[in-house]
N, C-alpha and C. Protein backbone atom coordinates (compact mmCIF):
# COMPACT_ATOMS: atom_id res chain seq x y z
N MET A 1 9.41 2.85 -20.65
CA MET A 1 8.33 2.74 -19.68
C MET A 1 8.91 2.56 -18.27
N LYS A 2 9.97 1.72 -18.15
CA LYS A 2 10.59 1.52 -16.83
C LYS A 2 11.17 2.83 -16.32
N LYS A 3 11.77 3.61 -17.24
CA LYS A 3 12.34 4.88 -16.85
C LYS A 3 11.26 5.81 -16.30
N LEU A 4 10.09 5.81 -16.95
CA LEU A 4 8.98 6.64 -16.49
C LEU A 4 8.51 6.19 -15.11
N ALA A 5 8.41 4.88 -14.90
CA ALA A 5 7.97 4.36 -13.60
C ALA A 5 8.97 4.74 -12.51
N ILE A 6 10.26 4.65 -12.82
CA ILE A 6 11.29 5.01 -11.83
C ILE A 6 11.19 6.50 -11.50
N VAL A 7 11.03 7.32 -12.53
CA VAL A 7 10.90 8.77 -12.30
C VAL A 7 9.66 9.05 -11.45
N PHE A 8 8.55 8.35 -11.73
CA PHE A 8 7.32 8.55 -10.96
C PHE A 8 7.53 8.18 -9.50
N VAL A 9 8.13 7.02 -9.26
CA VAL A 9 8.35 6.57 -7.88
C VAL A 9 9.28 7.53 -7.15
N LEU A 10 10.36 7.96 -7.82
CA LEU A 10 11.27 8.92 -7.20
C LEU A 10 10.55 10.24 -6.92
N SER A 11 9.74 10.70 -7.87
CA SER A 11 8.99 11.93 -7.67
C SER A 11 8.02 11.79 -6.51
N LEU A 12 7.36 10.65 -6.43
CA LEU A 12 6.43 10.39 -5.33
C LEU A 12 7.16 10.44 -4.00
N GLY A 13 8.33 9.82 -3.95
CA GLY A 13 9.12 9.83 -2.72
C GLY A 13 9.57 11.23 -2.35
N LEU A 14 10.02 11.98 -3.34
CA LEU A 14 10.45 13.36 -3.08
C LEU A 14 9.28 14.21 -2.63
N PHE A 15 8.10 14.00 -3.26
CA PHE A 15 6.91 14.74 -2.85
C PHE A 15 6.56 14.42 -1.40
N ALA A 16 6.56 13.14 -1.08
CA ALA A 16 6.21 12.74 0.28
C ALA A 16 7.20 13.31 1.28
N CYS A 17 8.49 13.26 0.92
CA CYS A 17 9.51 13.79 1.84
C CYS A 17 9.41 15.30 1.96
N SER A 18 9.09 15.98 0.87
CA SER A 18 9.02 17.44 0.92
C SER A 18 7.82 17.92 1.72
N ASN A 19 6.82 17.08 1.89
CA ASN A 19 5.63 17.46 2.63
C ASN A 19 5.68 17.00 4.08
N THR A 20 6.82 16.51 4.52
CA THR A 20 6.96 16.04 5.89
C THR A 20 7.18 17.23 6.81
N SER A 21 6.37 17.34 7.84
CA SER A 21 6.52 18.42 8.81
C SER A 21 7.63 18.06 9.78
N LYS A 22 8.61 18.95 9.94
CA LYS A 22 9.74 18.67 10.82
C LYS A 22 9.93 19.84 11.77
N LYS A 23 10.38 19.55 12.98
CA LYS A 23 10.80 20.62 13.85
C LYS A 23 12.31 20.55 13.94
N GLU A 24 12.94 21.56 14.48
CA GLU A 24 14.38 21.59 14.55
C GLU A 24 14.89 20.43 15.38
N THR A 25 15.91 19.74 14.84
CA THR A 25 16.45 18.57 15.51
C THR A 25 17.96 18.59 15.44
N THR A 26 18.57 17.68 16.18
CA THR A 26 20.01 17.49 16.06
C THR A 26 20.27 16.66 14.82
N LYS A 27 21.54 16.55 14.42
CA LYS A 27 21.88 15.78 13.23
C LYS A 27 21.52 14.30 13.40
N SER A 28 21.50 13.80 14.61
CA SER A 28 21.27 12.38 14.82
C SER A 28 19.81 11.99 14.94
N GLU A 29 18.90 12.97 14.96
CA GLU A 29 17.48 12.62 15.08
C GLU A 29 16.63 13.47 14.16
N VAL A 30 15.59 12.87 13.64
CA VAL A 30 14.61 13.58 12.84
C VAL A 30 13.25 13.29 13.47
N VAL A 31 12.52 14.33 13.81
CA VAL A 31 11.21 14.18 14.42
C VAL A 31 10.17 14.57 13.38
N VAL A 32 9.22 13.68 13.13
CA VAL A 32 8.16 13.93 12.17
C VAL A 32 6.86 14.07 12.94
N LYS A 33 6.16 15.18 12.68
CA LYS A 33 4.87 15.40 13.32
C LYS A 33 3.83 14.57 12.58
N GLU A 34 3.14 13.72 13.30
CA GLU A 34 2.11 12.89 12.70
C GLU A 34 0.79 13.13 13.42
N SER A 35 -0.27 13.10 12.66
CA SER A 35 -1.59 13.27 13.26
C SER A 35 -2.30 11.92 13.40
N PHE A 36 -1.53 10.83 13.33
CA PHE A 36 -2.10 9.49 13.43
C PHE A 36 -1.06 8.54 14.02
N SER A 37 -1.52 7.39 14.50
CA SER A 37 -0.59 6.42 15.08
C SER A 37 -0.55 5.10 14.33
N VAL A 38 -1.49 4.87 13.40
CA VAL A 38 -1.45 3.63 12.62
C VAL A 38 -0.15 3.63 11.81
N THR A 39 0.48 2.46 11.69
CA THR A 39 1.77 2.37 11.02
C THR A 39 1.66 1.61 9.70
N ALA A 40 2.67 1.79 8.86
CA ALA A 40 2.74 1.05 7.60
C ALA A 40 2.76 -0.45 7.89
N LYS A 41 3.51 -0.87 8.89
CA LYS A 41 3.60 -2.29 9.22
C LYS A 41 2.24 -2.85 9.62
N GLN A 42 1.46 -2.11 10.42
CA GLN A 42 0.13 -2.58 10.81
C GLN A 42 -0.77 -2.75 9.58
N ILE A 43 -0.71 -1.80 8.68
CA ILE A 43 -1.53 -1.87 7.48
C ILE A 43 -1.11 -3.05 6.61
N ILE A 44 0.19 -3.17 6.37
CA ILE A 44 0.70 -4.24 5.50
C ILE A 44 0.45 -5.61 6.14
N ASP A 45 0.63 -5.73 7.44
CA ASP A 45 0.33 -7.00 8.11
C ASP A 45 -1.13 -7.39 7.94
N ALA A 46 -2.04 -6.41 8.00
CA ALA A 46 -3.46 -6.69 7.80
C ALA A 46 -3.72 -7.18 6.38
N ILE A 47 -3.06 -6.55 5.41
CA ILE A 47 -3.21 -6.97 4.01
C ILE A 47 -2.66 -8.39 3.84
N ASP A 48 -1.48 -8.65 4.41
CA ASP A 48 -0.84 -9.96 4.28
C ASP A 48 -1.60 -11.07 5.01
N SER A 49 -2.53 -10.72 5.87
CA SER A 49 -3.30 -11.74 6.58
C SER A 49 -4.13 -12.59 5.63
N GLY A 50 -4.45 -12.03 4.46
CA GLY A 50 -5.28 -12.74 3.51
C GLY A 50 -6.76 -12.76 3.91
N ASP A 51 -7.09 -11.99 4.92
CA ASP A 51 -8.46 -11.94 5.44
C ASP A 51 -8.96 -10.50 5.29
N ALA A 52 -9.90 -10.29 4.37
CA ALA A 52 -10.39 -8.94 4.10
C ALA A 52 -11.01 -8.29 5.33
N SER A 53 -11.53 -9.07 6.25
CA SER A 53 -12.14 -8.48 7.45
C SER A 53 -11.07 -7.86 8.36
N VAL A 54 -9.86 -8.41 8.35
CA VAL A 54 -8.78 -7.84 9.16
C VAL A 54 -8.41 -6.46 8.60
N TYR A 55 -8.27 -6.37 7.28
CA TYR A 55 -7.94 -5.08 6.67
C TYR A 55 -9.09 -4.09 6.84
N SER A 56 -10.33 -4.57 6.72
CA SER A 56 -11.50 -3.70 6.84
C SER A 56 -11.56 -2.98 8.18
N LYS A 57 -11.04 -3.60 9.23
CA LYS A 57 -11.05 -2.97 10.56
C LYS A 57 -10.23 -1.69 10.59
N LEU A 58 -9.31 -1.54 9.64
CA LEU A 58 -8.45 -0.35 9.60
C LEU A 58 -9.04 0.78 8.74
N LEU A 59 -10.18 0.53 8.09
CA LEU A 59 -10.73 1.47 7.11
C LEU A 59 -11.78 2.40 7.69
N THR A 60 -11.86 3.61 7.11
CA THR A 60 -12.99 4.49 7.40
C THR A 60 -14.22 3.91 6.69
N GLU A 61 -15.40 4.34 7.08
CA GLU A 61 -16.63 3.83 6.46
C GLU A 61 -16.71 4.14 4.97
N ASP A 62 -16.17 5.30 4.55
CA ASP A 62 -16.24 5.68 3.14
C ASP A 62 -14.87 5.59 2.45
N SER A 63 -14.05 4.68 2.93
CA SER A 63 -12.70 4.49 2.39
C SER A 63 -12.74 4.22 0.88
N ARG A 64 -11.71 4.71 0.21
CA ARG A 64 -11.56 4.50 -1.23
C ARG A 64 -10.40 3.55 -1.47
N PHE A 65 -10.48 2.77 -2.58
CA PHE A 65 -9.47 1.76 -2.88
C PHE A 65 -9.30 1.66 -4.39
N ARG A 66 -8.05 1.85 -4.85
CA ARG A 66 -7.75 1.68 -6.28
C ARG A 66 -6.48 0.85 -6.43
N PHE A 67 -6.58 -0.19 -7.22
CA PHE A 67 -5.46 -1.10 -7.48
C PHE A 67 -5.04 -0.92 -8.93
N GLY A 68 -3.87 -0.33 -9.15
CA GLY A 68 -3.36 -0.14 -10.50
C GLY A 68 -4.34 0.63 -11.37
N ASN A 69 -4.64 0.06 -12.54
CA ASN A 69 -5.53 0.72 -13.50
C ASN A 69 -6.99 0.32 -13.32
N TYR A 70 -7.30 -0.45 -12.29
CA TYR A 70 -8.69 -0.83 -12.06
C TYR A 70 -9.47 0.37 -11.53
N ASP A 71 -10.78 0.31 -11.67
CA ASP A 71 -11.64 1.37 -11.18
C ASP A 71 -11.54 1.48 -9.66
N MET A 72 -11.68 2.70 -9.17
CA MET A 72 -11.69 2.92 -7.73
C MET A 72 -13.02 2.42 -7.17
N VAL A 73 -12.94 1.78 -6.00
CA VAL A 73 -14.16 1.41 -5.28
C VAL A 73 -14.23 2.27 -4.03
N GLN A 74 -15.43 2.50 -3.53
CA GLN A 74 -15.59 3.35 -2.36
C GLN A 74 -16.56 2.72 -1.37
N GLY A 75 -16.18 2.84 -0.11
CA GLY A 75 -16.99 2.30 0.98
C GLY A 75 -16.34 1.03 1.53
N LYS A 76 -16.40 0.89 2.84
CA LYS A 76 -15.78 -0.26 3.49
C LYS A 76 -16.27 -1.59 2.91
N ALA A 77 -17.57 -1.71 2.65
CA ALA A 77 -18.12 -2.96 2.11
C ALA A 77 -17.58 -3.25 0.71
N ALA A 78 -17.47 -2.22 -0.13
CA ALA A 78 -16.95 -2.41 -1.49
C ALA A 78 -15.47 -2.79 -1.47
N VAL A 79 -14.71 -2.18 -0.57
CA VAL A 79 -13.29 -2.54 -0.44
C VAL A 79 -13.17 -3.99 0.04
N TYR A 80 -14.00 -4.36 1.00
CA TYR A 80 -14.02 -5.74 1.49
C TYR A 80 -14.28 -6.72 0.35
N GLU A 81 -15.26 -6.43 -0.49
CA GLU A 81 -15.58 -7.30 -1.62
C GLU A 81 -14.41 -7.39 -2.60
N ALA A 82 -13.79 -6.25 -2.91
CA ALA A 82 -12.65 -6.23 -3.84
C ALA A 82 -11.48 -7.04 -3.27
N GLN A 83 -11.19 -6.85 -1.99
CA GLN A 83 -10.11 -7.60 -1.35
C GLN A 83 -10.41 -9.10 -1.32
N THR A 84 -11.65 -9.45 -1.00
CA THR A 84 -12.03 -10.87 -0.95
C THR A 84 -11.85 -11.52 -2.33
N ALA A 85 -12.27 -10.84 -3.37
CA ALA A 85 -12.11 -11.36 -4.73
C ALA A 85 -10.63 -11.53 -5.07
N PHE A 86 -9.83 -10.54 -4.72
CA PHE A 86 -8.39 -10.64 -5.01
C PHE A 86 -7.76 -11.79 -4.23
N TYR A 87 -8.05 -11.88 -2.93
CA TYR A 87 -7.47 -12.95 -2.12
C TYR A 87 -7.81 -14.33 -2.69
N SER A 88 -8.98 -14.49 -3.28
CA SER A 88 -9.36 -15.80 -3.82
C SER A 88 -8.56 -16.14 -5.08
N SER A 89 -7.91 -15.14 -5.69
CA SER A 89 -7.14 -15.39 -6.91
C SER A 89 -5.71 -15.82 -6.63
N VAL A 90 -5.29 -15.76 -5.37
CA VAL A 90 -3.93 -16.19 -5.00
C VAL A 90 -4.00 -17.10 -3.77
N LYS A 91 -2.97 -17.91 -3.59
CA LYS A 91 -2.91 -18.77 -2.41
C LYS A 91 -2.48 -17.96 -1.20
N SER A 92 -1.50 -17.07 -1.39
CA SER A 92 -1.05 -16.20 -0.31
C SER A 92 -0.20 -15.07 -0.88
N LEU A 93 0.09 -14.09 -0.02
CA LEU A 93 0.94 -12.97 -0.40
C LEU A 93 1.72 -12.51 0.82
N LYS A 94 2.89 -11.94 0.57
CA LYS A 94 3.72 -11.41 1.66
C LYS A 94 4.49 -10.21 1.13
N HIS A 95 4.34 -9.08 1.81
CA HIS A 95 5.05 -7.86 1.43
C HIS A 95 6.33 -7.70 2.23
N GLU A 96 7.34 -7.14 1.59
CA GLU A 96 8.57 -6.73 2.27
C GLU A 96 8.65 -5.21 2.15
N ILE A 97 8.62 -4.53 3.27
CA ILE A 97 8.70 -3.07 3.27
C ILE A 97 10.16 -2.66 3.05
N LEU A 98 10.39 -1.90 1.99
CA LEU A 98 11.73 -1.41 1.70
C LEU A 98 11.98 -0.05 2.34
N ARG A 99 10.98 0.83 2.25
CA ARG A 99 11.07 2.15 2.88
C ARG A 99 9.70 2.79 2.92
N THR A 100 9.57 3.76 3.79
CA THR A 100 8.30 4.47 3.95
C THR A 100 8.54 5.97 4.04
N TRP A 101 7.53 6.72 3.67
CA TRP A 101 7.51 8.16 3.83
C TRP A 101 6.19 8.52 4.49
N LYS A 102 6.18 9.55 5.33
CA LYS A 102 4.96 9.98 6.00
C LYS A 102 4.85 11.49 5.96
N ASP A 103 3.62 11.96 5.97
CA ASP A 103 3.35 13.36 6.25
C ASP A 103 2.19 13.41 7.24
N ASP A 104 1.54 14.55 7.38
CA ASP A 104 0.49 14.69 8.40
C ASP A 104 -0.71 13.77 8.20
N ASN A 105 -0.97 13.33 6.97
CA ASN A 105 -2.16 12.51 6.74
C ASN A 105 -1.97 11.40 5.73
N SER A 106 -0.74 10.97 5.49
CA SER A 106 -0.54 9.87 4.55
C SER A 106 0.75 9.11 4.83
N ILE A 107 0.76 7.89 4.31
CA ILE A 107 1.93 7.02 4.38
C ILE A 107 2.16 6.50 2.97
N VAL A 108 3.39 6.59 2.48
CA VAL A 108 3.78 6.03 1.19
C VAL A 108 4.76 4.92 1.48
N VAL A 109 4.51 3.74 0.89
CA VAL A 109 5.34 2.58 1.19
C VAL A 109 5.86 1.97 -0.12
N ASP A 110 7.17 1.80 -0.18
CA ASP A 110 7.84 1.13 -1.29
C ASP A 110 8.06 -0.31 -0.85
N LEU A 111 7.55 -1.26 -1.64
CA LEU A 111 7.57 -2.67 -1.21
C LEU A 111 7.94 -3.61 -2.35
N MET A 112 8.27 -4.83 -1.96
CA MET A 112 8.30 -5.98 -2.86
C MET A 112 7.26 -6.93 -2.30
N VAL A 113 6.42 -7.46 -3.19
CA VAL A 113 5.37 -8.38 -2.74
C VAL A 113 5.57 -9.72 -3.44
N THR A 114 5.56 -10.78 -2.66
CA THR A 114 5.68 -12.13 -3.20
C THR A 114 4.30 -12.79 -3.12
N TYR A 115 3.85 -13.25 -4.27
CA TYR A 115 2.58 -13.95 -4.36
C TYR A 115 2.85 -15.44 -4.55
N VAL A 116 2.06 -16.27 -3.90
CA VAL A 116 2.05 -17.70 -4.16
C VAL A 116 0.75 -17.97 -4.91
N ARG A 117 0.90 -18.50 -6.14
CA ARG A 117 -0.27 -18.83 -6.93
C ARG A 117 -0.88 -20.14 -6.43
N HIS A 118 -2.06 -20.45 -6.91
CA HIS A 118 -2.73 -21.69 -6.50
C HIS A 118 -1.97 -22.94 -6.95
N ASP A 119 -1.11 -22.81 -7.98
CA ASP A 119 -0.30 -23.95 -8.41
C ASP A 119 1.05 -24.00 -7.69
N ASP A 120 1.18 -23.21 -6.62
CA ASP A 120 2.37 -23.12 -5.77
C ASP A 120 3.58 -22.46 -6.42
N THR A 121 3.45 -21.88 -7.62
CA THR A 121 4.53 -21.09 -8.17
C THR A 121 4.49 -19.71 -7.51
N THR A 122 5.62 -19.04 -7.49
CA THR A 122 5.70 -17.73 -6.85
C THR A 122 6.20 -16.68 -7.83
N ILE A 123 5.88 -15.45 -7.52
CA ILE A 123 6.40 -14.31 -8.27
C ILE A 123 6.52 -13.15 -7.29
N THR A 124 7.60 -12.40 -7.42
CA THR A 124 7.82 -11.21 -6.59
C THR A 124 7.81 -9.99 -7.49
N LEU A 125 7.03 -9.00 -7.09
CA LEU A 125 6.84 -7.79 -7.90
C LEU A 125 7.01 -6.53 -7.05
N PRO A 126 7.48 -5.44 -7.67
CA PRO A 126 7.57 -4.15 -6.96
C PRO A 126 6.21 -3.48 -6.90
N VAL A 127 6.00 -2.72 -5.83
CA VAL A 127 4.74 -2.01 -5.65
C VAL A 127 4.97 -0.78 -4.77
N VAL A 128 4.23 0.26 -5.03
CA VAL A 128 4.20 1.44 -4.15
C VAL A 128 2.75 1.63 -3.73
N ASP A 129 2.52 1.68 -2.42
CA ASP A 129 1.19 1.91 -1.86
C ASP A 129 1.14 3.28 -1.22
N VAL A 130 0.04 3.98 -1.44
CA VAL A 130 -0.21 5.25 -0.78
C VAL A 130 -1.46 5.06 0.08
N PHE A 131 -1.32 5.34 1.37
CA PHE A 131 -2.43 5.23 2.30
C PHE A 131 -2.73 6.63 2.83
N GLU A 132 -3.93 7.12 2.57
CA GLU A 132 -4.37 8.39 3.15
C GLU A 132 -5.06 8.07 4.46
N ILE A 133 -4.69 8.79 5.51
CA ILE A 133 -5.17 8.50 6.86
C ILE A 133 -6.11 9.61 7.32
N LYS A 134 -7.24 9.19 7.92
CA LYS A 134 -8.21 10.13 8.48
C LYS A 134 -8.72 9.53 9.78
N ASP A 135 -8.65 10.27 10.86
CA ASP A 135 -9.10 9.79 12.17
C ASP A 135 -8.45 8.45 12.53
N ASN A 136 -7.17 8.33 12.22
CA ASN A 136 -6.35 7.15 12.52
C ASN A 136 -6.82 5.88 11.80
N LYS A 137 -7.55 6.06 10.70
CA LYS A 137 -8.01 4.95 9.87
C LYS A 137 -7.57 5.21 8.43
N VAL A 138 -7.53 4.16 7.63
CA VAL A 138 -7.17 4.28 6.22
C VAL A 138 -8.39 4.80 5.46
N ASP A 139 -8.27 6.00 4.91
CA ASP A 139 -9.35 6.63 4.17
C ASP A 139 -9.20 6.39 2.67
N ALA A 140 -8.00 6.08 2.22
CA ALA A 140 -7.78 5.75 0.81
C ALA A 140 -6.56 4.84 0.71
N THR A 141 -6.67 3.86 -0.17
CA THR A 141 -5.56 2.97 -0.52
C THR A 141 -5.38 3.09 -2.02
N ILE A 142 -4.20 3.52 -2.44
CA ILE A 142 -3.90 3.67 -3.86
C ILE A 142 -2.65 2.85 -4.12
N ILE A 143 -2.80 1.83 -4.97
CA ILE A 143 -1.72 0.88 -5.22
C ILE A 143 -1.18 1.09 -6.63
N PHE A 144 0.12 1.38 -6.72
CA PHE A 144 0.78 1.56 -8.01
C PHE A 144 1.61 0.32 -8.30
N MET A 145 1.10 -0.51 -9.22
CA MET A 145 1.84 -1.71 -9.60
C MET A 145 1.26 -2.29 -10.88
N ASP A 146 2.08 -3.07 -11.56
CA ASP A 146 1.63 -3.85 -12.71
C ASP A 146 1.39 -5.26 -12.20
N ILE A 147 0.14 -5.65 -12.05
CA ILE A 147 -0.23 -6.96 -11.53
C ILE A 147 -0.24 -8.03 -12.60
N ASN A 148 -0.17 -7.65 -13.87
CA ASN A 148 -0.29 -8.61 -14.97
C ASN A 148 0.66 -9.80 -14.89
N PRO A 149 1.91 -9.63 -14.49
CA PRO A 149 2.79 -10.81 -14.41
C PRO A 149 2.29 -11.90 -13.45
N LEU A 150 1.52 -11.53 -12.46
CA LEU A 150 0.97 -12.53 -11.55
C LEU A 150 0.09 -13.53 -12.27
N TYR A 151 -0.69 -13.03 -13.21
CA TYR A 151 -1.64 -13.88 -13.92
C TYR A 151 -1.12 -14.40 -15.26
N ASN A 152 0.04 -13.90 -15.69
CA ASN A 152 0.65 -14.36 -16.94
C ASN A 152 1.57 -15.53 -16.62
N THR A 153 1.05 -16.74 -16.71
CA THR A 153 1.83 -17.93 -16.37
C THR A 153 2.47 -18.57 -17.58
N LYS A 154 2.30 -17.97 -18.75
CA LYS A 154 2.92 -18.50 -19.97
C LYS A 154 4.32 -17.93 -20.11
N GLY A 155 5.30 -18.82 -20.17
CA GLY A 155 6.70 -18.49 -20.38
C GLY A 155 7.06 -17.15 -20.15
C-alpha cells in the first residue's frame, strides 16, 4: 500500500510538472506562466489559522472540498462547516511545505502536517493537497492523506 501511495504521489508530481507552461530560459532560471497570484503559502497559512472564516475568504462561491475518502462538499458555506467541524476535533495544526508544483490553474503541495490533539499529544503525518484556482480563488481543495492515525490514540 505504501508503494502504491509513493507511486501515486510521484505520478501526481510528474503530472503537475509536465503540465507546467514554460518559456525559453537560461539554465539558472525557470519562468512559469501563471494565471493567478495566490500562493501555496497563503493558502496553507489560512488553513493553519484554525479559523474557517480565514480560509473561506480564499474560496470561490461554489468551491469544492474533499478530504481523503470523505464525501466531497460544495459551496463556500459547506466548506466552512466542514472546516469548522474538523478544527473542533483538534487543538491546533501546522503544515510544513516540502515542495510545490504549479500549472496555469492549480497548485500541488507536498507537506507534513503536525496536529496537536486536545490531550496535548502530537502526531505528524504526510499529506498532498491539490488546489484548483479560478479567478485567483481556490475553486477546489483535494486532500490526499490518511487521517486515521490522528484519531487512533490506542498504542
